Amino acid sequence: MEQQEIDAYIQRAKQKYGKEPLGIDIKIDGEFVELTYDFGSQPFHRIRRITGYLVGSLERFNDGKRAEEHDRVKHSI
């Protein structure tokens, strides 16, 4: 495979995913090419159910939802 074609696959990953991959596995089967991108480890974001909504953080809540979250009763085990 030519370097120009490999560079095109890297450019495709940048456009599609918004970042450059750390590595690419390229498998060629006749005229078909299978690409597997390696972007490294992804950060884990905690999701909680608060006031009936699945949220990762409270920053997008309006004043009413923030007050509802503040006033809720937290149960202990």
PDB file of N, CA and C in Angstrom:
ATOM      1  N   MET A   1       0.840  -1.165   0.000  1.00  0.00           N
ATOM      2  CA  MET A   1       0.000   0.000   0.000  1.00  0.00           C
ATOM      3  C   MET A   1       0.893   1.239   0.000  1.00  0.00           C
ATOM      4  N   GLU A   2       0.518   2.201  -0.793  1.00  0.00           N
ATOM      5  CA  GLU A   2       1.319   3.415  -0.913  1.00  0.00           C
ATOM      6  C   GLU A   2       1.082   4.348   0.271  1.00  0.00           C
ATOM      7  N   GLN A   3       2.092   5.139   0.596  1.00  0.00           N
ATOM      8  CA  GLN A   3       2.005   6.071   1.719  1.00  0.00           C
ATOM      9  C   GLN A   3       0.901   7.098   1.500  1.00  0.00           C
ATOM     10  N   GLN A   4       0.678   7.479   0.244  1.00  0.00           N
ATOM     11  CA  GLN A   4      -0.360   8.458  -0.080  1.00  0.00           C
ATOM     12  C   GLN A   4      -1.743   7.924   0.324  1.00  0.00           C
ATOM     13  N   GLU A   5      -1.973   6.636   0.103  1.00  0.00           N
ATOM     14  CA  GLU A   5      -3.256   6.034   0.468  1.00  0.00           C
ATOM     15  C   GLU A   5      -3.405   5.946   1.996  1.00  0.00           C
ATOM     16  N   ILE A   6      -2.324   5.615   2.689  1.00  0.00           N
ATOM     17  CA  ILE A   6      -2.341   5.560   4.159  1.00  0.00           C
ATOM     18  C   ILE A   6      -2.636   6.951   4.725  1.00  0.00           C
ATOM     19  N   ASP A   7      -1.994   7.986   4.164  1.00  0.00           N
ATOM     20  CA  ASP A   7      -2.245   9.366   4.600  1.00  0.00           C
ATOM     21  C   ASP A   7      -3.701   9.764   4.383  1.00  0.00           C
ATOM     22  N   ALA A   8      -4.307   9.267   3.292  1.00  0.00           N
ATOM     23  CA  ALA A   8      -5.720   9.557   3.019  1.00  0.00           C
ATOM     24  C   ALA A   8      -6.616   8.916   4.079  1.00  0.00           C
ATOM     25  N   TYR A   9      -6.266   7.701   4.536  1.00  0.00           N
ATOM     26  CA  TYR A   9      -7.045   7.045   5.594  1.00  0.00           C
ATOM     27  C   TYR A   9      -6.907   7.799   6.920  1.00  0.00           C
ATOM     28  N   ILE A  10      -5.730   8.325   7.203  1.00  0.00           N
ATOM     29  CA  ILE A  10      -5.526   9.123   8.412  1.00  0.00           C
ATOM     30  C   ILE A  10      -6.341  10.410   8.332  1.00  0.00           C
ATOM     31  N   GLN A  11      -6.345  11.044   7.186  1.00  0.00           N
ATOM     32  CA  GLN A  11      -7.128  12.269   6.985  1.00  0.00           C
ATOM     33  C   GLN A  11      -8.616  11.984   7.125  1.00  0.00           C
ATOM     34  N   ARG A  12      -9.069  10.836   6.631  1.00  0.00           N
ATOM     35  CA  ARG A  12     -10.478  10.435   6.757  1.00  0.00           C
ATOM     36  C   ARG A  12     -10.855  10.286   8.220  1.00  0.00           C
ATOM     37  N   ALA A  13      -9.976   9.692   9.028  1.00  0.00           N
ATOM     38  CA  ALA A  13     -10.243   9.529  10.456  1.00  0.00           C
ATOM     39  C   ALA A  13     -10.331  10.887  11.140  1.00  0.00           C
ATOM     40  N   LYS A  14      -9.460  11.818  10.783  1.00  0.00           N
ATOM     41  CA  LYS A  14      -9.491  13.159  11.374  1.00  0.00           C
ATOM     42  C   LYS A  14     -10.819  13.853  11.084  1.00  0.00           C
ATOM     43  N   GLN A  15     -11.297  13.731   9.848  1.00  0.00           N
ATOM     44  CA  GLN A  15     -12.551  14.374   9.460  1.00  0.00           C
ATOM     45  C   GLN A  15     -13.750  13.702  10.126  1.00  0.00           C
ATOM     46  N   LYS A  16     -13.737  12.372  10.188  1.00  0.00           N
ATOM     47  CA  LYS A  16     -14.891  11.635  10.706  1.00  0.00           C
ATOM     48  C   LYS A  16     -14.991  11.708  12.220  1.00  0.00           C
ATOM     49  N   TYR A  17     -13.865  11.596  12.937  1.00  0.00           N
ATOM     50  CA  TYR A  17     -13.872  11.524  14.391  1.00  0.00           C
ATOM     51  C   TYR A  17     -13.361  12.783  15.078  1.00  0.00           C
ATOM     52  N   GLY A  18     -12.800  13.716  14.329  1.00  0.00           N
ATOM     53  CA  GLY A  18     -12.355  14.978  14.910  1.00  0.00           C
ATOM     54  C   GLY A  18     -11.012  14.923  15.609  1.00  0.00           C
ATOM     55  N   LYS A  19     -10.294  13.818  15.508  1.00  0.00           N
ATOM     56  CA  LYS A  19      -8.956  13.725  16.099  1.00  0.00           C
ATOM     57  C   LYS A  19      -8.139  12.696  15.336  1.00  0.00           C
ATOM     58  N   GLU A  20      -6.831  12.821  15.466  1.00  0.00           N
ATOM     59  CA  GLU A  20      -5.938  11.914  14.744  1.00  0.00           C
ATOM     60  C   GLU A  20      -5.756  10.615  15.544  1.00  0.00           C
ATOM     61  N   PRO A  21      -5.867   9.472  14.869  1.00  0.00           N
ATOM     62  CA  PRO A  21      -5.690   8.202  15.584  1.00  0.00           C
ATOM     63  C   PRO A  21      -4.229   7.975  15.960  1.00  0.00           C
ATOM     64  N   LEU A  22      -4.031   7.230  17.063  1.00  0.00           N
ATOM     65  CA  LEU A  22      -2.676   6.857  17.469  1.00  0.00           C
ATOM     66  C   LEU A  22      -2.123   5.777  16.551  1.00  0.00           C
ATOM     67  N   GLY A  23      -3.003   4.969  16.000  1.00  0.00           N
ATOM     68  CA  GLY A  23      -2.595   3.899  15.096  1.00  0.00           C
ATOM     69  C   GLY A  23      -3.764   3.420  14.266  1.00  0.00           C
ATOM     70  N   ILE A  24      -3.461   2.751  13.169  1.00  0.00           N
ATOM     71  CA  ILE A  24      -4.491   2.198  12.288  1.00  0.00           C
ATOM     72  C   ILE A  24      -4.076   0.785  11.905  1.00  0.00           C
ATOM     73  N   ASP A  25      -5.012  -0.169  12.049  1.00  0.00           N
ATOM     74  CA  ASP A  25      -4.815  -1.512  11.520  1.00  0.00           C
ATOM     75  C   ASP A  25      -5.528  -1.573  10.181  1.00  0.00           C
ATOM     76  N   ILE A  26      -4.808  -1.947   9.146  1.00  0.00           N
ATOM     77  CA  ILE A  26      -5.365  -2.005   7.798  1.00  0.00           C
ATOM     78  C   ILE A  26      -5.311  -3.450   7.325  1.00  0.00           C
ATOM     79  N   LYS A  27      -6.489  -4.003   7.010  1.00  0.00           N
ATOM     80  CA  LYS A  27      -6.572  -5.359   6.461  1.00  0.00           C
ATOM     81  C   LYS A  27      -7.126  -5.265   5.052  1.00  0.00           C
ATOM     82  N   ILE A  28      -6.381  -5.830   4.110  1.00  0.00           N
ATOM     83  CA  ILE A  28      -6.771  -5.769   2.711  1.00  0.00           C
ATOM     84  C   ILE A  28      -7.231  -7.149   2.277  1.00  0.00           C
ATOM     85  N   ASP A  29      -8.453  -7.209   1.701  1.00  0.00           N
ATOM     86  CA  ASP A  29      -9.013  -8.453   1.190  1.00  0.00           C
ATOM     87  C   ASP A  29      -9.504  -8.185  -0.226  1.00  0.00           C
ATOM     88  N   GLY A  30      -8.640  -8.414  -1.185  1.00  0.00           N
ATOM     89  CA  GLY A  30      -8.997  -8.110  -2.575  1.00  0.00           C
ATOM     90  C   GLY A  30      -9.112  -6.612  -2.762  1.00  0.00           C
ATOM     91  N   GLU A  31     -10.316  -6.173  -3.126  1.00  0.00           N
ATOM     92  CA  GLU A  31     -10.545  -4.741  -3.302  1.00  0.00           C
ATOM     93  C   GLU A  31     -11.134  -4.092  -2.051  1.00  0.00           C
ATOM     94  N   PHE A  32     -11.402  -4.869  -1.021  1.00  0.00           N
ATOM     95  CA  PHE A  32     -11.972  -4.351   0.212  1.00  0.00           C
ATOM     96  C   PHE A  32     -10.864  -4.034   1.212  1.00  0.00           C
ATOM     97  N   VAL A  33     -11.039  -2.936   1.942  1.00  0.00           N
ATOM     98  CA  VAL A  33     -10.086  -2.518   2.960  1.00  0.00           C
ATOM     99  C   VAL A  33     -10.841  -2.360   4.273  1.00  0.00           C
ATOM    100  N   GLU A  34     -10.373  -3.052   5.314  1.00  0.00           N
ATOM    101  CA  GLU A  34     -10.976  -2.927   6.639  1.00  0.00           C
ATOM    102  C   GLU A  34     -10.040  -2.103   7.513  1.00  0.00           C
ATOM    103  N   LEU A  35     -10.566  -1.019   8.075  1.00  0.00           N
ATOM    104  CA  LEU A  35      -9.780  -0.112   8.897  1.00  0.00           C
ATOM    105  C   LEU A  35     -10.219  -0.221  10.353  1.00  0.00           C
ATOM    106  N   THR A  36      -9.264  -0.320  11.255  1.00  0.00           N
ATOM    107  CA  THR A  36      -9.525  -0.291  12.687  1.00  0.00           C
ATOM    108  C   THR A  36      -8.638   0.794  13.278  1.00  0.00           C
ATOM    109  N   TYR A  37      -9.288   1.834  13.822  1.00  0.00           N
ATOM    110  CA  TYR A  37      -8.552   2.968  14.370  1.00  0.00           C
ATOM    111  C   TYR A  37      -8.311   2.772  15.860  1.00  0.00           C
ATOM    112  N   ASP A  38      -7.161   3.228  16.343  1.00  0.00           N
ATOM    113  CA  ASP A  38      -6.838   3.202  17.764  1.00  0.00           C
ATOM    114  C   ASP A  38      -6.678   4.647  18.224  1.00  0.00           C
ATOM    115  N   PHE A  39      -7.604   5.090  19.086  1.00  0.00           N
ATOM    116  CA  PHE A  39      -7.557   6.453  19.602  1.00  0.00           C
ATOM    117  C   PHE A  39      -7.078   6.506  21.044  1.00  0.00           C
ATOM    118  N   GLY A  40      -6.626   5.390  21.582  1.00  0.00           N
ATOM    119  CA  GLY A  40      -6.179   5.349  22.969  1.00  0.00           C
ATOM    120  C   GLY A  40      -7.369   5.200  23.901  1.00  0.00           C
ATOM    121  N   SER A  41      -7.133   5.331  25.179  1.00  0.00           N
ATOM    122  CA  SER A  41      -8.213   5.164  26.151  1.00  0.00           C
ATOM    123  C   SER A  41      -9.099   6.407  26.179  1.00  0.00           C
ATOM    124  N   GLN A  42     -10.391   6.179  26.374  1.00  0.00           N
ATOM    125  CA  GLN A  42     -11.365   7.261  26.435  1.00  0.00           C
ATOM    126  C   GLN A  42     -11.731   7.513  27.895  1.00  0.00           C
ATOM    127  N   PRO A  43     -11.935   8.760  28.272  1.00  0.00           N
ATOM    128  CA  PRO A  43     -12.307   9.039  29.658  1.00  0.00           C
ATOM    129  C   PRO A  43     -13.704   8.497  29.967  1.00  0.00           C
ATOM    130  N   PHE A  44     -13.909   8.065  31.197  1.00  0.00           N
ATOM    131  CA  PHE A  44     -15.188   7.529  31.637  1.00  0.00           C
ATOM    132  C   PHE A  44     -15.990   8.648  32.289  1.00  0.00           C
ATOM    133  N   HIS A  45     -17.222   8.847  31.814  1.00  0.00           N
ATOM    134  CA  HIS A  45     -18.092   9.866  32.383  1.00  0.00           C
ATOM    135  C   HIS A  45     -19.213   9.190  33.153  1.00  0.00           C
ATOM    136  N   ARG A  46     -19.358   9.553  34.403  1.00  0.00           N
ATOM    137  CA  ARG A  46     -20.395   8.986  35.247  1.00  0.00           C
ATOM    138  C   ARG A  46     -21.746   9.576  34.866  1.00  0.00           C
ATOM    139  N   ILE A  47     -22.753   8.715  34.749  1.00  0.00           N
ATOM    140  CA  ILE A  47     -24.111   9.156  34.467  1.00  0.00           C
ATOM    141  C   ILE A  47     -24.983   8.748  35.637  1.00  0.00           C
ATOM    142  N   ARG A  48     -25.801   9.693  36.110  1.00  0.00           N
ATOM    143  CA  ARG A  48     -26.700   9.436  37.230  1.00  0.00           C
ATOM    144  C   ARG A  48     -28.122   9.777  36.826  1.00  0.00           C
ATOM    145  N   ARG A  49     -29.080   9.152  37.506  1.00  0.00           N
ATOM    146  CA  ARG A  49     -30.481   9.518  37.299  1.00  0.00           C
ATOM    147  C   ARG A  49     -30.845  10.496  38.415  1.00  0.00           C
ATOM    148  N   ILE A  50     -31.127  11.734  38.015  1.00  0.00           N
ATOM    149  CA  ILE A  50     -31.499  12.771  38.968  1.00  0.00           C
ATOM    150  C   ILE A  50     -32.806  13.387  38.493  1.00  0.00           C
ATOM    151  N   THR A  51     -33.756  13.445  39.358  1.00  0.00           N
ATOM    152  CA  THR A  51     -35.087  14.008  39.091  1.00  0.00           C
ATOM    153  C   THR A  51     -35.693  13.449  37.798  1.00  0.00           C
ATOM    154  N   GLY A  52     -35.455  12.159  37.553  1.00  0.00           N
ATOM    155  CA  GLY A  52     -36.045  11.509  36.392  1.00  0.00           C
ATOM    156  C   GLY A  52     -35.253  11.646  35.104  1.00  0.00           C
ATOM    157  N   TYR A  53     -34.101  12.294  35.132  1.00  0.00           N
ATOM    158  CA  TYR A  53     -33.291  12.494  33.933  1.00  0.00           C
ATOM    159  C   TYR A  53     -31.932  11.824  34.109  1.00  0.00           C
ATOM    160  N   LEU A  54     -31.408  11.258  33.046  1.00  0.00           N
ATOM    161  CA  LEU A  54     -30.041  10.741  33.057  1.00  0.00           C
ATOM    162  C   LEU A  54     -29.109  11.899  32.722  1.00  0.00           C
ATOM    163  N   VAL A  55     -28.217  12.212  33.644  1.00  0.00           N
ATOM    164  CA  VAL A  55     -27.333  13.368  33.452  1.00  0.00           C
ATOM    165  C   VAL A  55     -25.907  13.013  33.836  1.00  0.00           C
ATOM    166  N   GLY A  56     -24.969  13.682  33.223  1.00  0.00           N
ATOM    167  CA  GLY A  56     -23.573  13.531  33.583  1.00  0.00           C
ATOM    168  C   GLY A  56     -23.139  14.638  34.518  1.00  0.00           C
ATOM    169  N   SER A  57     -23.745  15.803  34.386  1.00  0.00           N
ATOM    170  CA  SER A  57     -23.454  16.925  35.277  1.00  0.00           C
ATOM    171  C   SER A  57     -24.700  17.804  35.348  1.00  0.00           C
ATOM    172  N   LEU A  58     -24.703  18.708  36.296  1.00  0.00           N
ATOM    173  CA  LEU A  58     -25.872  19.562  36.502  1.00  0.00           C
ATOM    174  C   LEU A  58     -25.738  20.921  35.835  1.00  0.00           C
ATOM    175  N   GLU A  59     -24.668  21.151  35.096  1.00  0.00           N
ATOM    176  CA  GLU A  59     -24.421  22.488  34.558  1.00  0.00           C
ATOM    177  C   GLU A  59     -25.481  22.959  33.570  1.00  0.00           C
ATOM    178  N   ARG A  60     -26.193  22.049  32.892  1.00  0.00           N
ATOM    179  CA  ARG A  60     -27.181  22.474  31.906  1.00  0.00           C
ATOM    180  C   ARG A  60     -28.595  22.570  32.490  1.00  0.00           C
ATOM    181  N   PHE A  61     -28.742  22.292  33.791  1.00  0.00           N
ATOM    182  CA  PHE A  61     -30.053  22.405  34.433  1.00  0.00           C
ATOM    183  C   PHE A  61     -30.433  23.875  34.584  1.00  0.00           C
ATOM    184  N   ASN A  62     -31.728  24.182  34.402  1.00  0.00           N
ATOM    185  CA  ASN A  62     -32.195  25.536  34.668  1.00  0.00           C
ATOM    186  C   ASN A  62     -32.417  25.696  36.174  1.00  0.00           C
ATOM    187  N   ASP A  63     -32.827  26.887  36.613  1.00  0.00           N
ATOM    188  CA  ASP A  63     -32.959  27.175  38.043  1.00  0.00           C
ATOM    189  C   ASP A  63     -33.975  26.255  38.718  1.00  0.00           C
ATOM    190  N   GLY A  64     -35.072  25.952  38.035  1.00  0.00           N
ATOM    191  CA  GLY A  64     -36.096  25.086  38.608  1.00  0.00           C
ATOM    192  C   GLY A  64     -35.575  23.678  38.843  1.00  0.00           C
ATOM    193  N   LYS A  65     -34.859  23.110  37.883  1.00  0.00           N
ATOM    194  CA  LYS A  65     -34.299  21.760  38.039  1.00  0.00           C
ATOM    195  C   LYS A  65     -33.196  21.751  39.082  1.00  0.00           C
ATOM    196  N   ARG A  66     -32.410  22.813  39.166  1.00  0.00           N
ATOM    197  CA  ARG A  66     -31.373  22.885  40.206  1.00  0.00           C
ATOM    198  C   ARG A  66     -32.008  22.902  41.598  1.00  0.00           C
ATOM    199  N   ALA A  67     -33.104  23.660  41.752  1.00  0.00           N
ATOM    200  CA  ALA A  67     -33.806  23.701  43.039  1.00  0.00           C
ATOM    201  C   ALA A  67     -34.402  22.337  43.362  1.00  0.00           C
ATOM    202  N   GLU A  68     -34.976  21.672  42.350  1.00  0.00           N
ATOM    203  CA  GLU A  68     -35.538  20.336  42.554  1.00  0.00           C
ATOM    204  C   GLU A  68     -34.463  19.354  43.002  1.00  0.00           C
ATOM    205  N   GLU A  69     -33.283  19.432  42.407  1.00  0.00           N
ATOM    206  CA  GLU A  69     -32.180  18.549  42.788  1.00  0.00           C
ATOM    207  C   GLU A  69     -31.708  18.861  44.206  1.00  0.00           C
ATOM    208  N   HIS A  70     -31.671  20.133  44.556  1.00  0.00           N
ATOM    209  CA  HIS A  70     -31.221  20.541  45.886  1.00  0.00           C
ATOM    210  C   HIS A  70     -32.186  20.076  46.972  1.00  0.00           C
ATOM    211  N   ASP A  71     -33.490  20.091  46.668  1.00  0.00           N
ATOM    212  CA  ASP A  71     -34.515  19.747  47.653  1.00  0.00           C
ATOM    213  C   ASP A  71     -34.833  18.258  47.728  1.00  0.00           C
ATOM    214  N   ARG A  72     -34.278  17.450  46.873  1.00  0.00           N
ATOM    215  CA  ARG A  72     -34.638  16.029  46.863  1.00  0.00           C
ATOM    216  C   ARG A  72     -34.144  15.320  48.118  1.00  0.00           C
ATOM    217  N   VAL A  73     -34.842  14.266  48.468  1.00  0.00           N
ATOM    218  CA  VAL A  73     -34.490  13.480  49.649  1.00  0.00           C
ATOM    219  C   VAL A  73     -33.561  12.348  49.195  1.00  0.00           C
ATOM    220  N   LYS A  74     -32.387  12.289  49.778  1.00  0.00           N
ATOM    221  CA  LYS A  74     -31.437  11.243  49.433  1.00  0.00           C
ATOM    222  C   LYS A  74     -31.595  10.104  50.437  1.00  0.00           C
ATOM    223  N   HIS A  75     -31.852   8.909  49.935  1.00  0.00           N
ATOM    224  CA  HIS A  75     -32.078   7.759  50.789  1.00  0.00           C
ATOM    225  C   HIS A  75     -30.771   7.061  51.078  1.00  0.00           C
ATOM    226  N   SER A  76     -30.617   6.570  52.290  1.00  0.00           N
ATOM    227  CA  SER A  76     -29.416   5.818  52.636  1.00  0.00           C
ATOM    228  C   SER A  76     -29.780   4.355  52.801  1.00  0.00           C
ATOM    229  N   ILE A  77     -28.809   3.505  52.705  1.00  0.00           N
ATOM    230  CA  ILE A  77     -29.041   2.062  52.814  1.00  0.00           C
ATOM    231  C   ILE A  77     -28.838   1.604  54.228  1.00  0.00           C
TER     232      ILE A  77
END
